[in-house]
Amino acid sequence: MRQQRQWNEILNWFTSHLSTGFLEGINSLIQAAKAKARAGTVLRGT
């Protein structure tokens, strides 16, 4: 299963020319923004 996923990622790179590192970086920014938004609602008490 893992080998199949890795092979799919390699093939995806050839079609999209995006590495998973770039996409993981985007995901990290999204997760940080979501965490910051959650912290804001907790601090305001709503």
Protein backbone atom coordinates (compact mmCIF):
# COMPACT_ATOMS: atom_id res chain seq x y z
CA MET A 1 0.00 0.00 0.00
CA ARG A 2 2.75 2.45 0.95
CA GLN A 3 4.71 1.70 -2.20
CA GLN A 4 1.61 2.33 -4.31
CA ARG A 5 1.09 5.72 -2.63
CA GLN A 6 4.73 6.68 -3.16
CA TRP A 7 4.51 5.66 -6.80
CA ASN A 8 1.36 7.76 -7.22
CA GLU A 9 3.15 10.77 -5.71
CA ILE A 10 6.02 10.34 -8.14
CA LEU A 11 3.63 10.16 -11.08
CA ASN A 12 1.70 13.18 -9.79
CA TRP A 13 4.91 15.22 -9.77
CA PHE A 14 5.36 14.59 -13.47
CA THR A 15 1.82 15.71 -14.24
CA SER A 16 1.58 18.70 -11.88
CA HIS A 17 5.26 19.58 -11.28
CA LEU A 18 4.45 20.26 -7.62
CA SER A 19 6.31 18.47 -4.90
CA THR A 20 4.50 17.32 -1.81
CA GLY A 21 6.79 19.60 0.21
CA PHE A 22 5.24 22.67 -1.38
CA LEU A 23 1.73 21.37 -0.77
CA GLU A 24 2.59 20.47 2.83
CA GLY A 25 3.85 24.02 3.30
CA ILE A 26 0.52 25.39 2.07
CA ASN A 27 -1.29 22.99 4.41
CA SER A 28 0.87 24.17 7.31
CA LEU A 29 -0.13 27.79 6.66
CA ILE A 30 -3.81 26.83 6.55
CA GLN A 31 -3.54 24.86 9.80
CA ALA A 32 -1.76 27.78 11.51
CA ALA A 33 -4.47 30.20 10.38
CA LYS A 34 -7.18 27.87 11.69
CA ALA A 35 -5.41 27.53 15.05
CA LYS A 36 -5.05 31.31 15.30
CA ALA A 37 -8.75 31.73 14.54
CA ARG A 38 -9.69 29.19 17.22
CA ALA A 39 -7.46 30.95 19.76
CA GLY A 40 -9.19 34.24 19.00
CA THR A 41 -12.64 32.84 19.73
CA VAL A 42 -11.42 31.30 23.01
CA LEU A 43 -9.88 34.57 24.17
CA ARG A 44 -13.04 36.56 23.38
CA GLY A 45 -15.17 34.02 25.21
CA THR A 46 -17.62 33.44 22.37
